[in-house]
């Protein structure tokens, strides 16, 4: 925490960058990925990784 504390409120110090103050948009993306992984629960990890990569490439 001490190492990253100076960066914690960057969005306040640089409003011109339009940095969001939450990580909700990222969490929404990861929710879709986790949902797809759960739907295909029988896949091995070497089969899941290409599915995740394709999903991220499409975004």
N, C-alpha and C. Protein backbone atom coordinates (compact mmCIF):
# COMPACT_ATOMS: atom_id res chain seq x y z
N UNK A 1 0.82 -1.19 0.00
CA UNK A 1 0.00 0.00 0.00
C UNK A 1 0.87 1.26 0.00
N UNK A 2 1.93 1.25 0.78
CA UNK A 2 2.79 2.43 0.86
C UNK A 2 3.39 2.77 -0.50
N UNK A 3 3.74 1.74 -1.26
CA UNK A 3 4.38 1.97 -2.54
C UNK A 3 3.43 2.61 -3.55
N UNK A 4 2.15 2.26 -3.50
CA UNK A 4 1.20 2.75 -4.49
C UNK A 4 0.34 3.91 -4.01
N UNK A 5 0.52 4.33 -2.77
CA UNK A 5 -0.28 5.41 -2.21
C UNK A 5 -0.22 6.69 -3.05
N UNK A 6 0.94 7.09 -3.57
CA UNK A 6 0.97 8.31 -4.38
C UNK A 6 0.09 8.24 -5.63
N UNK A 7 -0.21 7.05 -6.10
CA UNK A 7 -1.00 6.90 -7.32
C UNK A 7 -2.49 6.70 -7.05
N UNK A 8 -2.85 6.57 -5.79
CA UNK A 8 -4.22 6.22 -5.42
C UNK A 8 -5.23 7.26 -5.89
N UNK A 9 -4.91 8.53 -5.79
CA UNK A 9 -5.86 9.58 -6.16
C UNK A 9 -5.40 10.34 -7.40
N UNK A 10 -4.79 9.66 -8.33
CA UNK A 10 -4.33 10.28 -9.57
C UNK A 10 -5.49 10.91 -10.32
N UNK A 11 -6.65 10.28 -10.29
CA UNK A 11 -7.81 10.81 -11.00
C UNK A 11 -8.22 12.20 -10.48
N UNK A 12 -7.91 12.51 -9.23
CA UNK A 12 -8.22 13.83 -8.68
C UNK A 12 -7.17 14.87 -9.07
N UNK A 13 -5.92 14.46 -9.13
CA UNK A 13 -4.84 15.39 -9.47
C UNK A 13 -4.79 15.73 -10.95
N UNK A 14 -5.33 14.85 -11.79
CA UNK A 14 -5.28 15.06 -13.24
C UNK A 14 -6.66 14.88 -13.87
N UNK A 15 -7.58 15.80 -13.61
CA UNK A 15 -8.94 15.65 -14.15
C UNK A 15 -8.99 15.69 -15.68
N UNK A 16 -7.98 16.29 -16.30
CA UNK A 16 -7.96 16.37 -17.76
C UNK A 16 -7.80 15.00 -18.43
N UNK A 17 -7.35 14.01 -17.67
CA UNK A 17 -7.17 12.66 -18.22
C UNK A 17 -8.46 11.84 -18.21
N UNK A 18 -9.50 12.34 -17.57
CA UNK A 18 -10.79 11.65 -17.49
C UNK A 18 -10.65 10.21 -16.99
N UNK A 19 -9.88 10.03 -15.94
CA UNK A 19 -9.67 8.71 -15.34
C UNK A 19 -10.88 8.40 -14.46
N UNK A 20 -11.52 7.26 -14.64
CA UNK A 20 -12.65 6.93 -13.77
C UNK A 20 -12.19 6.71 -12.33
N UNK A 21 -13.06 7.04 -11.38
CA UNK A 21 -12.68 6.89 -9.97
C UNK A 21 -13.06 5.53 -9.41
N UNK A 22 -13.59 4.65 -10.24
CA UNK A 22 -13.91 3.29 -9.81
C UNK A 22 -13.38 2.30 -10.84
N UNK A 23 -13.41 1.04 -10.49
CA UNK A 23 -12.99 -0.01 -11.43
C UNK A 23 -14.21 -0.78 -11.95
N UNK A 24 -15.39 -0.18 -11.88
CA UNK A 24 -16.61 -0.87 -12.28
C UNK A 24 -16.58 -1.34 -13.73
N UNK A 25 -16.01 -0.55 -14.62
CA UNK A 25 -15.99 -0.96 -16.02
C UNK A 25 -15.14 -2.21 -16.21
N UNK A 26 -14.04 -2.31 -15.50
CA UNK A 26 -13.22 -3.53 -15.56
C UNK A 26 -13.93 -4.72 -14.96
N UNK A 27 -14.59 -4.49 -13.85
CA UNK A 27 -15.30 -5.58 -13.19
C UNK A 27 -16.41 -6.12 -14.07
N UNK A 28 -17.04 -5.25 -14.85
CA UNK A 28 -18.07 -5.70 -15.77
C UNK A 28 -17.52 -6.63 -16.84
N UNK A 29 -16.35 -6.32 -17.36
CA UNK A 29 -15.71 -7.17 -18.36
C UNK A 29 -15.35 -8.52 -17.76
N UNK A 30 -14.77 -8.50 -16.57
CA UNK A 30 -14.37 -9.75 -15.94
C UNK A 30 -15.57 -10.60 -15.56
N UNK A 31 -16.70 -9.97 -15.27
CA UNK A 31 -17.91 -10.72 -14.96
C UNK A 31 -18.34 -11.55 -16.16
N UNK A 32 -18.28 -10.97 -17.35
CA UNK A 32 -18.65 -11.71 -18.57
C UNK A 32 -17.69 -12.88 -18.81
N UNK A 33 -16.42 -12.65 -18.58
CA UNK A 33 -15.44 -13.73 -18.77
C UNK A 33 -15.70 -14.86 -17.79
N UNK A 34 -15.90 -14.51 -16.52
CA UNK A 34 -16.15 -15.55 -15.51
C UNK A 34 -17.44 -16.32 -15.81
N UNK A 35 -18.45 -15.63 -16.30
CA UNK A 35 -19.71 -16.30 -16.65
C UNK A 35 -19.48 -17.31 -17.76
N UNK A 36 -18.74 -16.92 -18.78
CA UNK A 36 -18.46 -17.85 -19.89
C UNK A 36 -17.62 -19.03 -19.44
N UNK A 37 -16.69 -18.81 -18.55
CA UNK A 37 -15.87 -19.92 -18.04
C UNK A 37 -16.72 -20.89 -17.25
N UNK A 38 -17.64 -20.36 -16.44
CA UNK A 38 -18.53 -21.24 -15.67
C UNK A 38 -19.44 -22.05 -16.58
N UNK A 39 -19.91 -21.43 -17.66
CA UNK A 39 -20.79 -22.14 -18.60
C UNK A 39 -20.06 -23.31 -19.26
N UNK A 40 -18.76 -23.17 -19.43
CA UNK A 40 -17.95 -24.21 -20.07
C UNK A 40 -17.03 -24.84 -19.02
N UNK A 41 -17.59 -25.26 -17.92
CA UNK A 41 -16.82 -25.76 -16.78
C UNK A 41 -16.00 -27.00 -17.05
N UNK A 42 -16.34 -27.78 -18.06
CA UNK A 42 -15.62 -29.01 -18.33
C UNK A 42 -14.35 -28.82 -19.13
N UNK A 43 -14.07 -27.60 -19.54
CA UNK A 43 -12.87 -27.35 -20.34
C UNK A 43 -11.61 -27.39 -19.48
N UNK A 44 -10.54 -27.88 -20.07
CA UNK A 44 -9.24 -27.84 -19.40
C UNK A 44 -8.69 -26.41 -19.53
N UNK A 45 -7.69 -26.10 -18.72
CA UNK A 45 -7.11 -24.75 -18.72
C UNK A 45 -6.55 -24.39 -20.09
N UNK A 46 -5.96 -25.36 -20.79
CA UNK A 46 -5.40 -25.07 -22.12
C UNK A 46 -6.50 -24.81 -23.14
N UNK A 47 -7.73 -25.17 -22.83
CA UNK A 47 -8.86 -24.85 -23.70
C UNK A 47 -9.53 -23.54 -23.28
N UNK A 48 -9.44 -23.22 -22.01
CA UNK A 48 -10.06 -21.99 -21.51
C UNK A 48 -9.27 -20.75 -21.92
N UNK A 49 -7.95 -20.85 -21.91
CA UNK A 49 -7.12 -19.68 -22.20
C UNK A 49 -7.40 -19.09 -23.58
N UNK A 50 -7.49 -19.90 -24.65
CA UNK A 50 -7.82 -19.31 -25.95
C UNK A 50 -9.20 -18.64 -25.96
N UNK A 51 -10.14 -19.19 -25.21
CA UNK A 51 -11.47 -18.59 -25.13
C UNK A 51 -11.39 -17.21 -24.48
N UNK A 52 -10.60 -17.09 -23.41
CA UNK A 52 -10.43 -15.81 -22.73
C UNK A 52 -9.71 -14.82 -23.64
N UNK A 53 -8.66 -15.27 -24.31
CA UNK A 53 -7.91 -14.40 -25.21
C UNK A 53 -8.80 -13.88 -26.33
N UNK A 54 -9.62 -14.73 -26.89
CA UNK A 54 -10.53 -14.32 -27.96
C UNK A 54 -11.54 -13.30 -27.45
N UNK A 55 -12.05 -13.52 -26.25
CA UNK A 55 -13.01 -12.59 -25.66
C UNK A 55 -12.37 -11.22 -25.47
N UNK A 56 -11.15 -11.18 -24.95
CA UNK A 56 -10.47 -9.90 -24.73
C UNK A 56 -10.11 -9.21 -26.04
N UNK A 57 -9.76 -9.98 -27.04
CA UNK A 57 -9.43 -9.42 -28.35
C UNK A 57 -10.65 -8.77 -28.99
N UNK A 58 -11.83 -9.33 -28.75
CA UNK A 58 -13.05 -8.82 -29.35
C UNK A 58 -13.51 -7.51 -28.71
N UNK A 59 -13.05 -7.20 -27.50
CA UNK A 59 -13.50 -6.00 -26.79
C UNK A 59 -12.81 -4.76 -27.25
